[in-house]
Amino acid sequence: MGVAAVPSVSADTLLGVYAGAQYWDTGTSGGFASTNSTADFNFDDEGETAFYIAFEHFIPFVPNVKVAHTTLESNGSTLLSTNFEFDGTLYTAGSTVDTVSDITSTDIILYYELFDNDLLSFDVGINGKYLDGTLNVADDATNLASQEDFSGIIPMLYSRVEVGLPFTGLSAYAEGSYLAFDDHTLSDFQVAITYDLIDSIAMDLTLQAGYRDVTVDIEDLDDIYADLSYDGFFAGVE
Protein backbone atom coordinates (compact mmCIF):
# COMPACT_ATOMS: atom_id res chain seq x y z
CA MET A 1 0.00 0.00 0.00
CA GLY A 2 1.15 3.57 -0.59
CA VAL A 3 0.89 4.45 3.06
CA ALA A 4 3.79 2.11 3.84
CA ALA A 5 6.19 4.59 2.28
CA VAL A 6 4.99 7.70 4.12
CA PRO A 7 7.02 8.91 7.11
CA SER A 8 5.76 11.32 9.75
CA VAL A 9 5.58 14.87 8.42
CA SER A 10 6.27 16.31 11.86
CA ALA A 11 7.04 14.73 15.19
CA ASP A 12 5.56 16.12 18.40
CA THR A 13 6.98 13.14 20.31
CA LEU A 14 10.35 11.56 19.61
CA LEU A 15 9.63 8.49 21.70
CA GLY A 16 6.53 7.62 23.67
CA VAL A 17 4.53 4.83 25.24
CA TYR A 18 0.80 5.38 25.67
CA ALA A 19 -1.43 3.13 27.76
CA GLY A 20 -5.13 3.51 28.41
CA ALA A 21 -8.20 1.86 29.89
CA GLN A 22 -11.90 2.47 29.22
CA TYR A 23 -15.19 1.43 30.78
CA TRP A 24 -17.95 1.11 28.19
CA ASP A 25 -21.69 1.04 29.00
CA THR A 26 -22.87 -1.06 26.08
CA GLY A 27 -26.19 -1.90 24.49
CA THR A 28 -26.22 -4.94 22.19
CA SER A 29 -28.57 -5.79 19.31
CA GLY A 30 -28.71 -8.47 16.63
CA GLY A 31 -28.07 -12.17 16.75
CA PHE A 32 -26.13 -15.16 15.52
CA ALA A 33 -26.58 -18.63 14.05
CA SER A 34 -24.72 -21.60 12.62
CA THR A 35 -26.55 -21.13 9.30
CA ASN A 36 -27.20 -18.02 7.23
CA SER A 37 -30.63 -17.62 8.90
CA THR A 38 -29.48 -15.36 11.72
CA ALA A 39 -31.95 -14.91 14.58
CA ASP A 40 -32.45 -11.66 16.49
CA PHE A 41 -32.10 -11.93 20.26
CA ASN A 42 -32.85 -9.69 23.21
CA PHE A 43 -29.66 -8.77 25.07
CA ASP A 44 -29.22 -6.99 28.38
CA ASP A 45 -27.04 -3.91 28.62
CA GLU A 46 -23.53 -4.75 29.81
CA GLY A 47 -20.46 -2.99 31.11
CA GLU A 48 -17.49 -3.76 28.87
CA THR A 49 -13.80 -2.97 29.27
CA ALA A 50 -11.13 -1.94 26.80
CA PHE A 51 -7.37 -1.64 27.25
CA TYR A 52 -4.66 -0.47 24.88
CA ILE A 53 -0.99 0.33 24.66
CA ALA A 54 0.84 2.15 21.85
CA PHE A 55 4.49 2.71 21.04
CA GLU A 56 5.46 5.75 18.93
CA HIS A 57 8.96 6.61 17.72
CA PHE A 58 10.91 8.87 15.37
CA ILE A 59 12.31 6.21 12.99
CA PRO A 60 11.30 7.02 9.38
CA PHE A 61 9.28 4.48 7.37
CA VAL A 62 8.85 2.16 10.40
CA PRO A 63 5.23 2.17 11.58
CA ASN A 64 4.11 2.87 15.12
CA VAL A 65 2.38 0.02 16.92
CA LYS A 66 -0.81 -0.08 18.95
CA VAL A 67 -2.36 -3.14 20.60
CA ALA A 68 -5.93 -2.93 21.93
CA HIS A 69 -8.11 -5.50 23.69
CA THR A 70 -11.89 -5.21 24.11
CA THR A 71 -14.45 -7.49 25.73
CA LEU A 72 -17.82 -7.92 24.01
CA GLU A 73 -19.98 -9.96 26.38
CA SER A 74 -23.76 -10.13 26.05
CA ASN A 75 -26.45 -12.12 27.82
CA GLY A 76 -30.17 -12.25 27.24
CA SER A 77 -33.42 -14.15 27.11
CA THR A 78 -35.62 -14.32 24.01
CA LEU A 79 -39.05 -15.76 23.19
CA LEU A 80 -38.63 -17.36 19.76
CA SER A 81 -41.19 -16.45 17.13
CA THR A 82 -39.86 -19.06 14.66
CA ASN A 83 -37.88 -22.28 14.84
CA PHE A 84 -34.16 -21.76 15.38
CA GLU A 85 -31.33 -24.24 14.85
CA PHE A 86 -27.90 -23.85 16.42
CA ASP A 87 -25.08 -26.39 16.40
CA GLY A 88 -27.49 -29.06 15.15
CA THR A 89 -30.01 -28.46 17.95
CA LEU A 90 -33.54 -27.30 17.06
CA TYR A 91 -35.27 -24.77 19.30
CA THR A 92 -38.96 -24.50 18.47
CA ALA A 93 -41.10 -21.40 18.08
CA GLY A 94 -42.74 -20.36 21.34
CA SER A 95 -39.85 -21.50 23.52
CA THR A 96 -37.71 -19.13 25.58
CA VAL A 97 -33.96 -19.42 25.09
CA ASP A 98 -31.11 -17.93 27.04
CA THR A 99 -28.24 -16.69 24.91
CA VAL A 100 -24.65 -15.82 25.77
CA SER A 101 -22.28 -14.12 23.35
CA ASP A 102 -18.74 -13.95 24.75
CA ILE A 103 -16.40 -12.32 22.23
CA THR A 104 -13.01 -10.70 22.66
CA SER A 105 -11.48 -8.37 20.10
CA THR A 106 -7.72 -7.91 19.93
CA ASP A 107 -6.41 -5.26 17.53
CA ILE A 108 -2.82 -5.11 16.31
CA ILE A 109 -2.50 -1.76 14.57
CA LEU A 110 0.45 -0.55 12.47
CA TYR A 111 0.14 3.15 11.67
CA TYR A 112 1.95 6.26 10.50
CA GLU A 113 1.55 9.78 11.85
CA LEU A 114 1.02 12.04 8.85
CA PHE A 115 0.67 15.04 11.16
CA ASP A 116 1.48 15.31 14.86
CA ASN A 117 1.32 18.62 16.69
CA ASP A 118 -0.73 20.30 19.40
CA LEU A 119 -3.38 21.48 16.94
CA LEU A 120 -3.82 18.45 14.70
CA SER A 121 -2.74 14.83 14.55
CA PHE A 122 -3.69 12.44 11.78
CA ASP A 123 -2.82 8.72 11.71
CA VAL A 124 -3.47 6.09 9.04
CA GLY A 125 -2.61 2.41 8.94
CA ILE A 126 -3.86 -1.15 8.98
CA ASN A 127 -5.47 -3.17 11.74
CA GLY A 128 -5.34 -6.93 12.14
CA LYS A 129 -8.44 -7.57 14.27
CA TYR A 130 -8.48 -10.98 15.97
CA LEU A 131 -11.95 -12.11 17.01
CA ASP A 132 -12.28 -15.00 19.46
CA GLY A 133 -15.76 -15.93 20.57
CA THR A 134 -17.99 -18.48 22.26
CA LEU A 135 -21.74 -18.50 21.58
CA ASN A 136 -24.24 -20.37 23.76
CA VAL A 137 -27.95 -21.10 23.46
CA ALA A 138 -29.98 -22.94 26.13
CA ASP A 139 -33.63 -23.79 26.75
CA ASP A 140 -34.06 -24.56 30.45
CA ALA A 141 -37.59 -25.92 29.94
CA THR A 142 -36.38 -28.74 27.67
CA ASN A 143 -32.76 -28.99 28.91
CA LEU A 144 -31.52 -28.31 25.40
CA ALA A 145 -28.19 -26.53 25.10
CA SER A 146 -25.61 -25.90 22.40
CA GLN A 147 -22.33 -24.06 22.01
CA GLU A 148 -20.14 -22.94 19.12
CA ASP A 149 -16.64 -21.42 19.16
CA PHE A 150 -15.08 -19.32 16.44
CA SER A 151 -11.97 -17.26 15.83
CA GLY A 152 -10.24 -15.48 12.99
CA ILE A 153 -8.03 -12.54 12.00
CA ILE A 154 -9.66 -9.90 9.83
CA PRO A 155 -7.57 -7.10 8.19
CA MET A 156 -9.05 -3.61 8.41
CA LEU A 157 -8.17 -0.05 7.46
CA TYR A 158 -7.39 2.24 10.39
CA SER A 159 -7.37 6.01 10.90
CA ARG A 160 -7.43 8.53 13.74
CA VAL A 161 -7.84 12.32 13.77
CA GLU A 162 -7.38 14.49 16.85
CA VAL A 163 -7.94 18.24 17.07
CA GLY A 164 -6.72 20.29 20.03
CA LEU A 165 -8.01 23.53 21.51
CA PRO A 166 -4.94 25.61 22.45
CA PHE A 167 -4.47 26.71 26.08
CA THR A 168 -7.54 24.77 27.30
CA GLY A 169 -6.26 21.23 27.82
CA LEU A 170 -9.22 20.05 25.75
CA SER A 171 -9.16 18.09 22.51
CA ALA A 172 -11.46 15.85 20.48
CA TYR A 173 -10.67 12.76 18.46
CA ALA A 174 -12.31 10.31 16.08
CA GLU A 175 -10.79 6.85 15.64
CA GLY A 176 -11.93 3.89 13.62
CA SER A 177 -11.30 0.68 11.72
CA TYR A 178 -13.41 -0.60 8.85
CA LEU A 179 -13.68 -3.56 6.46
CA ALA A 180 -16.25 -4.69 3.91
CA PHE A 181 -15.00 -7.75 2.07
CA ASP A 182 -16.09 -11.28 1.16
CA ASP A 183 -19.48 -11.04 2.94
CA HIS A 184 -17.84 -9.70 6.13
CA THR A 185 -18.58 -6.17 7.32
CA LEU A 186 -16.80 -4.99 10.44
CA SER A 187 -16.50 -1.51 11.87
CA ASP A 188 -15.17 -0.11 15.12
CA PHE A 189 -15.57 3.65 15.60
CA GLN A 190 -15.26 5.96 18.58
CA VAL A 191 -15.39 9.71 19.14
CA ALA A 192 -14.38 11.40 22.38
CA ILE A 193 -13.51 14.61 24.16
CA THR A 194 -10.32 14.52 26.22
CA TYR A 195 -8.88 16.69 28.96
CA ASP A 196 -5.20 16.88 29.92
CA LEU A 197 -5.15 16.48 33.69
CA ILE A 198 -1.34 16.35 33.72
CA ASP A 199 0.76 17.74 30.87
CA SER A 200 4.51 17.60 31.47
CA ILE A 201 7.69 16.60 29.66
CA ALA A 202 7.93 13.34 31.60
CA MET A 203 4.27 12.23 31.61
CA ASP A 204 0.81 13.15 30.40
CA LEU A 205 -2.43 12.03 32.05
CA THR A 206 -5.60 12.44 29.99
CA LEU A 207 -9.25 11.84 30.84
CA GLN A 208 -11.66 10.70 28.11
CA ALA A 209 -15.43 10.72 27.61
CA GLY A 210 -16.98 9.50 24.39
CA TYR A 211 -19.16 7.19 22.34
CA ARG A 212 -18.20 3.92 20.66
CA ASP A 213 -19.95 1.78 18.04
CA VAL A 214 -18.82 -1.71 17.00
CA THR A 215 -20.51 -3.78 14.27
CA VAL A 216 -19.67 -7.45 13.72
CA ASP A 217 -21.37 -8.80 10.58
CA ILE A 218 -19.65 -12.06 9.64
CA GLU A 219 -20.62 -14.77 7.19
CA ASP A 220 -19.33 -18.30 7.71
CA LEU A 221 -16.37 -17.53 9.96
CA ASP A 222 -15.60 -20.95 11.47
CA ASP A 223 -19.18 -21.92 10.49
CA ILE A 224 -20.61 -18.96 12.40
CA TYR A 225 -22.93 -16.29 11.06
CA ALA A 226 -23.46 -13.19 13.17
CA ASP A 227 -24.92 -9.71 12.85
CA LEU A 228 -24.19 -8.01 16.17
CA SER A 229 -23.97 -4.32 17.06
CA TYR A 230 -22.53 -2.83 20.24
CA ASP A 231 -22.78 0.84 21.11
CA GLY A 232 -22.74 3.16 24.09
CA PHE A 233 -20.88 5.82 26.03
CA PHE A 234 -17.52 5.25 27.64
CA ALA A 235 -15.15 6.92 30.07
CA GLY A 236 -11.43 6.34 30.14
CA VAL A 237 -7.97 7.43 31.18
CA GLU A 238 -4.72 7.48 29.18
C-alpha atoms as a PDB file:
ATOM      1  CA  MET A   1       0.000   0.000   0.000  1.00  0.00           C
ATOM      2  CA  GLY A   2       1.149   3.568  -0.595  1.00  0.00           C
ATOM      3  CA  VAL A   3       0.894   4.451   3.057  1.00  0.00           C
ATOM      4  CA  ALA A   4       3.786   2.108   3.840  1.00  0.00           C
ATOM      5  CA  ALA A   5       6.189   4.589   2.276  1.00  0.00           C
ATOM      6  CA  VAL A   6       4.988   7.703   4.123  1.00  0.00           C
ATOM      7  CA  PRO A   7       7.020   8.906   7.107  1.00  0.00           C
ATOM      8  CA  SER A   8       5.759  11.324   9.746  1.00  0.00           C
ATOM      9  CA  VAL A   9       5.576  14.866   8.423  1.00  0.00           C
ATOM     10  CA  SER A  10       6.272  16.305  11.864  1.00  0.00           C
ATOM     11  CA  ALA A  11       7.041  14.733  15.194  1.00  0.00           C
ATOM     12  CA  ASP A  12       5.560  16.124  18.397  1.00  0.00           C
ATOM     13  CA  THR A  13       6.976  13.142  20.311  1.00  0.00           C
ATOM     14  CA  LEU A  14      10.352  11.557  19.608  1.00  0.00           C
ATOM     15  CA  LEU A  15       9.632   8.489  21.701  1.00  0.00           C
ATOM     16  CA  GLY A  16       6.534   7.624  23.675  1.00  0.00           C
ATOM     17  CA  VAL A  17       4.533   4.831  25.236  1.00  0.00           C
ATOM     18  CA  TYR A  18       0.802   5.377  25.668  1.00  0.00           C
ATOM     19  CA  ALA A  19      -1.429   3.126  27.757  1.00  0.00           C
ATOM     20  CA  GLY A  20      -5.130   3.506  28.409  1.00  0.00           C
ATOM     21  CA  ALA A  21      -8.205   1.862  29.889  1.00  0.00           C
ATOM     22  CA  GLN A  22     -11.899   2.471  29.219  1.00  0.00           C
ATOM     23  CA  TYR A  23     -15.194   1.425  30.781  1.00  0.00           C
ATOM     24  CA  TRP A  24     -17.948   1.108  28.189  1.00  0.00           C
ATOM     25  CA  ASP A  25     -21.690   1.044  29.004  1.00  0.00           C
ATOM     26  CA  THR A  26     -22.871  -1.056  26.083  1.00  0.00           C
ATOM     27  CA  GLY A  27     -26.185  -1.903  24.492  1.00  0.00           C
ATOM     28  CA  THR A  28     -26.217  -4.944  22.188  1.00  0.00           C
ATOM     29  CA  SER A  29     -28.567  -5.792  19.314  1.00  0.00           C
ATOM     30  CA  GLY A  30     -28.711  -8.467  16.628  1.00  0.00           C
ATOM     31  CA  GLY A  31     -28.075 -12.167  16.755  1.00  0.00           C
ATOM     32  CA  PHE A  32     -26.129 -15.159  15.523  1.00  0.00           C
ATOM     33  CA  ALA A  33     -26.582 -18.627  14.051  1.00  0.00           C
ATOM     34  CA  SER A  34     -24.718 -21.597  12.616  1.00  0.00           C
ATOM     35  CA  THR A  35     -26.546 -21.130   9.302  1.00  0.00           C
ATOM     36  CA  ASN A  36     -27.201 -18.022   7.226  1.00  0.00           C
ATOM     37  CA  SER A  37     -30.630 -17.623   8.905  1.00  0.00           C
ATOM     38  CA  THR A  38     -29.477 -15.364  11.723  1.00  0.00           C
ATOM     39  CA  ALA A  39     -31.949 -14.908  14.582  1.00  0.00           C
ATOM     40  CA  ASP A  40     -32.448 -11.660  16.491  1.00  0.00           C
ATOM     41  CA  PHE A  41     -32.102 -11.931  20.262  1.00  0.00           C
ATOM     42  CA  ASN A  42     -32.853  -9.695  23.210  1.00  0.00           C
ATOM     43  CA  PHE A  43     -29.659  -8.766  25.069  1.00  0.00           C
ATOM     44  CA  ASP A  44     -29.223  -6.993  28.378  1.00  0.00           C
ATOM     45  CA  ASP A  45     -27.040  -3.907  28.624  1.00  0.00           C
ATOM     46  CA  GLU A  46     -23.534  -4.746  29.809  1.00  0.00           C
ATOM     47  CA  GLY A  47     -20.462  -2.995  31.112  1.00  0.00           C
ATOM     48  CA  GLU A  48     -17.494  -3.759  28.868  1.00  0.00           C
ATOM     49  CA  THR A  49     -13.799  -2.972  29.270  1.00  0.00           C
ATOM     50  CA  ALA A  50     -11.126  -1.936  26.801  1.00  0.00           C
ATOM     51  CA  PHE A  51      -7.366  -1.639  27.250  1.00  0.00           C
ATOM     52  CA  TYR A  52      -4.659  -0.474  24.878  1.00  0.00           C
ATOM     53  CA  ILE A  53      -0.988   0.332  24.655  1.00  0.00           C
ATOM     54  CA  ALA A  54       0.835   2.148  21.849  1.00  0.00           C
ATOM     55  CA  PHE A  55       4.492   2.712  21.041  1.00  0.00           C
ATOM     56  CA  GLU A  56       5.463   5.750  18.933  1.00  0.00           C
ATOM     57  CA  HIS A  57       8.956   6.613  17.722  1.00  0.00           C
ATOM     58  CA  PHE A  58      10.908   8.870  15.367  1.00  0.00           C
ATOM     59  CA  ILE A  59      12.310   6.206  12.989  1.00  0.00           C
ATOM     60  CA  PRO A  60      11.299   7.024   9.377  1.00  0.00           C
ATOM     61  CA  PHE A  61       9.284   4.485   7.366  1.00  0.00           C
ATOM     62  CA  VAL A  62       8.854   2.157  10.395  1.00  0.00           C
ATOM     63  CA  PRO A  63       5.227   2.166  11.582  1.00  0.00           C
ATOM     64  CA  ASN A  64       4.108   2.871  15.119  1.00  0.00           C
ATOM     65  CA  VAL A  65       2.381   0.015  16.924  1.00  0.00           C
ATOM     66  CA  LYS A  66      -0.810  -0.085  18.954  1.00  0.00           C
ATOM     67  CA  VAL A  67      -2.363  -3.144  20.603  1.00  0.00           C
ATOM     68  CA  ALA A  68      -5.934  -2.935  21.926  1.00  0.00           C
ATOM     69  CA  HIS A  69      -8.107  -5.501  23.694  1.00  0.00           C
ATOM     70  CA  THR A  70     -11.890  -5.205  24.113  1.00  0.00           C
ATOM     71  CA  THR A  71     -14.449  -7.493  25.734  1.00  0.00           C
ATOM     72  CA  LEU A  72     -17.817  -7.920  24.008  1.00  0.00           C
ATOM     73  CA  GLU A  73     -19.977  -9.958  26.384  1.00  0.00           C
ATOM     74  CA  SER A  74     -23.762 -10.126  26.052  1.00  0.00           C
ATOM     75  CA  ASN A  75     -26.455 -12.125  27.824  1.00  0.00           C
ATOM     76  CA  GLY A  76     -30.169 -12.245  27.236  1.00  0.00           C
ATOM     77  CA  SER A  77     -33.425 -14.153  27.110  1.00  0.00           C
ATOM     78  CA  THR A  78     -35.618 -14.320  24.009  1.00  0.00           C
ATOM     79  CA  LEU A  79     -39.051 -15.755  23.193  1.00  0.00           C
ATOM     80  CA  LEU A  80     -38.632 -17.358  19.765  1.00  0.00           C
ATOM     81  CA  SER A  81     -41.188 -16.455  17.126  1.00  0.00           C
ATOM     82  CA  THR A  82     -39.864 -19.062  14.657  1.00  0.00           C
ATOM     83  CA  ASN A  83     -37.876 -22.275  14.838  1.00  0.00           C
ATOM     84  CA  PHE A  84     -34.157 -21.755  15.383  1.00  0.00           C
ATOM     85  CA  GLU A  85     -31.332 -24.243  14.852  1.00  0.00           C
ATOM     86  CA  PHE A  86     -27.905 -23.853  16.419  1.00  0.00           C
ATOM     87  CA  ASP A  87     -25.083 -26.386  16.405  1.00  0.00           C
ATOM     88  CA  GLY A  88     -27.486 -29.064  15.148  1.00  0.00           C
ATOM     89  CA  THR A  89     -30.012 -28.464  17.947  1.00  0.00           C
ATOM     90  CA  LEU A  90     -33.540 -27.300  17.059  1.00  0.00           C
ATOM     91  CA  TYR A  91     -35.271 -24.766  19.297  1.00  0.00           C
ATOM     92  CA  THR A  92     -38.964 -24.497  18.466  1.00  0.00           C
ATOM     93  CA  ALA A  93     -41.098 -21.399  18.077  1.00  0.00           C
ATOM     94  CA  GLY A  94     -42.741 -20.360  21.340  1.00  0.00           C
ATOM     95  CA  SER A  95     -39.855 -21.503  23.522  1.00  0.00           C
ATOM     96  CA  THR A  96     -37.710 -19.126  25.581  1.00  0.00           C
ATOM     97  CA  VAL A  97     -33.961 -19.416  25.092  1.00  0.00           C
ATOM     98  CA  ASP A  98     -31.107 -17.931  27.044  1.00  0.00           C
ATOM     99  CA  THR A  99     -28.237 -16.691  24.906  1.00  0.00           C
ATOM    100  CA  VAL A 100     -24.645 -15.819  25.773  1.00  0.00           C
ATOM    101  CA  SER A 101     -22.280 -14.119  23.351  1.00  0.00           C
ATOM    102  CA  ASP A 102     -18.738 -13.949  24.748  1.00  0.00           C
ATOM    103  CA  ILE A 103     -16.400 -12.321  22.231  1.00  0.00           C
ATOM    104  CA  THR A 104     -13.012 -10.697  22.656  1.00  0.00           C
ATOM    105  CA  SER A 105     -11.481  -8.370  20.097  1.00  0.00           C
ATOM    106  CA  THR A 106      -7.716  -7.905  19.928  1.00  0.00           C
ATOM    107  CA  ASP A 107      -6.413  -5.256  17.527  1.00  0.00           C
ATOM    108  CA  ILE A 108      -2.816  -5.113  16.315  1.00  0.00           C
ATOM    109  CA  ILE A 109      -2.497  -1.759  14.571  1.00  0.00           C
ATOM    110  CA  LEU A 110       0.447  -0.546  12.475  1.00  0.00           C
ATOM    111  CA  TYR A 111       0.141   3.146  11.666  1.00  0.00           C
ATOM    112  CA  TYR A 112       1.949   6.256  10.502  1.00  0.00           C
ATOM    113  CA  GLU A 113       1.549   9.778  11.852  1.00  0.00           C
ATOM    114  CA  LEU A 114       1.019  12.044   8.847  1.00  0.00           C
ATOM    115  CA  PHE A 115       0.674  15.043  11.164  1.00  0.00           C
ATOM    116  CA  ASP A 116       1.475  15.307  14.856  1.00  0.00           C
ATOM    117  CA  ASN A 117       1.320  18.621  16.686  1.00  0.00           C
ATOM    118  CA  ASP A 118      -0.727  20.302  19.402  1.00  0.00           C
ATOM    119  CA  LEU A 119      -3.381  21.481  16.940  1.00  0.00           C
ATOM    120  CA  LEU A 120      -3.820  18.448  14.699  1.00  0.00           C
ATOM    121  CA  SER A 121      -2.735  14.831  14.548  1.00  0.00           C
ATOM    122  CA  PHE A 122      -3.689  12.438  11.776  1.00  0.00           C
ATOM    123  CA  ASP A 123      -2.818   8.724  11.706  1.00  0.00           C
ATOM    124  CA  VAL A 124      -3.474   6.091   9.038  1.00  0.00           C
ATOM    125  CA  GLY A 125      -2.613   2.410   8.940  1.00  0.00           C
ATOM    126  CA  ILE A 126      -3.861  -1.152   8.976  1.00  0.00           C
ATOM    127  CA  ASN A 127      -5.465  -3.172  11.742  1.00  0.00           C
ATOM    128  CA  GLY A 128      -5.336  -6.933  12.145  1.00  0.00           C
ATOM    129  CA  LYS A 129      -8.440  -7.569  14.268  1.00  0.00           C
ATOM    130  CA  TYR A 130      -8.477 -10.978  15.967  1.00  0.00           C
ATOM    131  CA  LEU A 131     -11.953 -12.106  17.013  1.00  0.00           C
ATOM    132  CA  ASP A 132     -12.284 -14.996  19.461  1.00  0.00           C
ATOM    133  CA  GLY A 133     -15.765 -15.933  20.571  1.00  0.00           C
ATOM    134  CA  THR A 134     -17.986 -18.481  22.260  1.00  0.00           C
ATOM    135  CA  LEU A 135     -21.739 -18.496  21.576  1.00  0.00           C
ATOM    136  CA  ASN A 136     -24.236 -20.366  23.762  1.00  0.00           C
ATOM    137  CA  VAL A 137     -27.953 -21.098  23.457  1.00  0.00           C
ATOM    138  CA  ALA A 138     -29.985 -22.940  26.134  1.00  0.00           C
ATOM    139  CA  ASP A 139     -33.630 -23.786  26.752  1.00  0.00           C
ATOM    140  CA  ASP A 140     -34.057 -24.557  30.450  1.00  0.00           C
ATOM    141  CA  ALA A 141     -37.590 -25.916  29.945  1.00  0.00           C
ATOM    142  CA  THR A 142     -36.380 -28.735  27.666  1.00  0.00           C
ATOM    143  CA  ASN A 143     -32.763 -28.994  28.909  1.00  0.00           C
ATOM    144  CA  LEU A 144     -31.522 -28.312  25.398  1.00  0.00           C
ATOM    145  CA  ALA A 145     -28.188 -26.526  25.104  1.00  0.00           C
ATOM    146  CA  SER A 146     -25.612 -25.897  22.397  1.00  0.00           C
ATOM    147  CA  GLN A 147     -22.327 -24.063  22.013  1.00  0.00           C
ATOM    148  CA  GLU A 148     -20.138 -22.939  19.122  1.00  0.00           C
ATOM    149  CA  ASP A 149     -16.643 -21.423  19.161  1.00  0.00           C
ATOM    150  CA  PHE A 150     -15.084 -19.316  16.437  1.00  0.00           C
ATOM    151  CA  SER A 151     -11.970 -17.262  15.827  1.00  0.00           C
ATOM    152  CA  GLY A 152     -10.236 -15.482  12.992  1.00  0.00           C
ATOM    153  CA  ILE A 153      -8.033 -12.545  11.999  1.00  0.00           C
ATOM    154  CA  ILE A 154      -9.660  -9.898   9.826  1.00  0.00           C
ATOM    155  CA  PRO A 155      -7.567  -7.102   8.194  1.00  0.00           C
ATOM    156  CA  MET A 156      -9.047  -3.615   8.410  1.00  0.00           C
ATOM    157  CA  LEU A 157      -8.168  -0.048   7.460  1.00  0.00           C
ATOM    158  CA  TYR A 158      -7.390   2.242  10.389  1.00  0.00           C
ATOM    159  CA  SER A 159      -7.368   6.008  10.904  1.00  0.00           C
ATOM    160  CA  ARG A 160      -7.431   8.525  13.742  1.00  0.00           C
ATOM    161  CA  VAL A 161      -7.844  12.315  13.767  1.00  0.00           C
ATOM    162  CA  GLU A 162      -7.377  14.489  16.849  1.00  0.00           C
ATOM    163  CA  VAL A 163      -7.944  18.241  17.075  1.00  0.00           C
ATOM    164  CA  GLY A 164      -6.719  20.287  20.033  1.00  0.00           C
ATOM    165  CA  LEU A 165      -8.006  23.530  21.510  1.00  0.00           C
ATOM    166  CA  PRO A 166      -4.936  25.615  22.447  1.00  0.00           C
ATOM    167  CA  PHE A 167      -4.471  26.708  26.076  1.00  0.00           C
ATOM    168  CA  THR A 168      -7.540  24.771  27.298  1.00  0.00           C
ATOM    169  CA  GLY A 169      -6.256  21.225  27.821  1.00  0.00           C
ATOM    170  CA  LEU A 170      -9.221  20.054  25.754  1.00  0.00           C
ATOM    171  CA  SER A 171      -9.156  18.091  22.508  1.00  0.00           C
ATOM    172  CA  ALA A 172     -11.456  15.855  20.484  1.00  0.00           C
ATOM    173  CA  TYR A 173     -10.667  12.759  18.462  1.00  0.00           C
ATOM    174  CA  ALA A 174     -12.311  10.310  16.084  1.00  0.00           C
ATOM    175  CA  GLU A 175     -10.791   6.854  15.640  1.00  0.00           C
ATOM    176  CA  GLY A 176     -11.929   3.891  13.624  1.00  0.00           C
ATOM    177  CA  SER A 177     -11.298   0.684  11.723  1.00  0.00           C
ATOM    178  CA  TYR A 178     -13.406  -0.602   8.846  1.00  0.00           C
ATOM    179  CA  LEU A 179     -13.685  -3.556   6.463  1.00  0.00           C
ATOM    180  CA  ALA A 180     -16.248  -4.686   3.907  1.00  0.00           C
ATOM    181  CA  PHE A 181     -14.995  -7.755   2.067  1.00  0.00           C
ATOM    182  CA  ASP A 182     -16.094 -11.284   1.164  1.00  0.00           C
ATOM    183  CA  ASP A 183     -19.481 -11.038   2.940  1.00  0.00           C
ATOM    184  CA  HIS A 184     -17.835  -9.700   6.126  1.00  0.00           C
ATOM    185  CA  THR A 185     -18.578  -6.168   7.316  1.00  0.00           C
ATOM    186  CA  LEU A 186     -16.803  -4.992  10.443  1.00  0.00           C
ATOM    187  CA  SER A 187     -16.500  -1.511  11.870  1.00  0.00           C
ATOM    188  CA  ASP A 188     -15.172  -0.107  15.121  1.00  0.00           C
ATOM    189  CA  PHE A 189     -15.569   3.654  15.603  1.00  0.00           C
ATOM    190  CA  GLN A 190     -15.265   5.956  18.578  1.00  0.00           C
ATOM    191  CA  VAL A 191     -15.393   9.706  19.144  1.00  0.00           C
ATOM    192  CA  ALA A 192     -14.384  11.404  22.377  1.00  0.00           C
ATOM    193  CA  ILE A 193     -13.511  14.609  24.156  1.00  0.00           C
ATOM    194  CA  THR A 194     -10.319  14.524  26.219  1.00  0.00           C
ATOM    195  CA  TYR A 195      -8.876  16.695  28.965  1.00  0.00           C
ATOM    196  CA  ASP A 196      -5.196  16.881  29.919  1.00  0.00           C
ATOM    197  CA  LEU A 197      -5.149  16.479  33.689  1.00  0.00           C
ATOM    198  CA  ILE A 198      -1.339  16.353  33.721  1.00  0.00           C
ATOM    199  CA  ASP A 199       0.758  17.736  30.866  1.00  0.00           C
ATOM    200  CA  SER A 200       4.509  17.599  31.467  1.00  0.00           C
ATOM    201  CA  ILE A 201       7.687  16.602  29.659  1.00  0.00           C
ATOM    202  CA  ALA A 202       7.926  13.336  31.602  1.00  0.00           C
ATOM    203  CA  MET A 203       4.267  12.227  31.609  1.00  0.00           C
ATOM    204  CA  ASP A 204       0.809  13.147  30.397  1.00  0.00           C
ATOM    205  CA  LEU A 205      -2.428  12.027  32.051  1.00  0.00           C
ATOM    206  CA  THR A 206      -5.596  12.445  29.992  1.00  0.00           C
ATOM    207  CA  LEU A 207      -9.254  11.841  30.840  1.00  0.00           C
ATOM    208  CA  GLN A 208     -11.662  10.704  28.111  1.00  0.00           C
ATOM    209  CA  ALA A 209     -15.430  10.716  27.613  1.00  0.00           C
ATOM    210  CA  GLY A 210     -16.976   9.500  24.394  1.00  0.00           C
ATOM    211  CA  TYR A 211     -19.156   7.189  22.343  1.00  0.00           C
ATOM    212  CA  ARG A 212     -18.195   3.923  20.659  1.00  0.00           C
ATOM    213  CA  ASP A 213     -19.953   1.781  18.037  1.00  0.00           C
ATOM    214  CA  VAL A 214     -18.824  -1.708  16.997  1.00  0.00           C
ATOM    215  CA  THR A 215     -20.506  -3.778  14.267  1.00  0.00           C
ATOM    216  CA  VAL A 216     -19.672  -7.451  13.717  1.00  0.00           C
ATOM    217  CA  ASP A 217     -21.374  -8.805  10.577  1.00  0.00           C
ATOM    218  CA  ILE A 218     -19.645 -12.056   9.639  1.00  0.00           C
ATOM    219  CA  GLU A 219     -20.622 -14.771   7.189  1.00  0.00           C
ATOM    220  CA  ASP A 220     -19.327 -18.304   7.707  1.00  0.00           C
ATOM    221  CA  LEU A 221     -16.366 -17.530   9.959  1.00  0.00           C
ATOM    222  CA  ASP A 222     -15.596 -20.951  11.474  1.00  0.00           C
ATOM    223  CA  ASP A 223     -19.180 -21.919  10.488  1.00  0.00           C
ATOM    224  CA  ILE A 224     -20.605 -18.959  12.400  1.00  0.00           C
ATOM    225  CA  TYR A 225     -22.934 -16.293  11.064  1.00  0.00           C
ATOM    226  CA  ALA A 226     -23.459 -13.186  13.174  1.00  0.00           C
ATOM    227  CA  ASP A 227     -24.916  -9.711  12.851  1.00  0.00           C
ATOM    228  CA  LEU A 228     -24.187  -8.005  16.168  1.00  0.00           C
ATOM    229  CA  SER A 229     -23.965  -4.320  17.060  1.00  0.00           C
ATOM    230  CA  TYR A 230     -22.527  -2.829  20.238  1.00  0.00           C
ATOM    231  CA  ASP A 231     -22.781   0.840  21.107  1.00  0.00           C
ATOM    232  CA  GLY A 232     -22.744   3.158  24.089  1.00  0.00           C
ATOM    233  CA  PHE A 233     -20.883   5.817  26.027  1.00  0.00           C
ATOM    234  CA  PHE A 234     -17.516   5.251  27.644  1.00  0.00           C
ATOM    235  CA  ALA A 235     -15.148   6.921  30.069  1.00  0.00           C
ATOM    236  CA  GLY A 236     -11.426   6.338  30.141  1.00  0.00           C
ATOM    237  CA  VAL A 237      -7.973   7.428  31.175  1.00  0.00           C
ATOM    238  CA  GLU A 238      -4.721   7.478  29.175  1.00  0.00           C
END
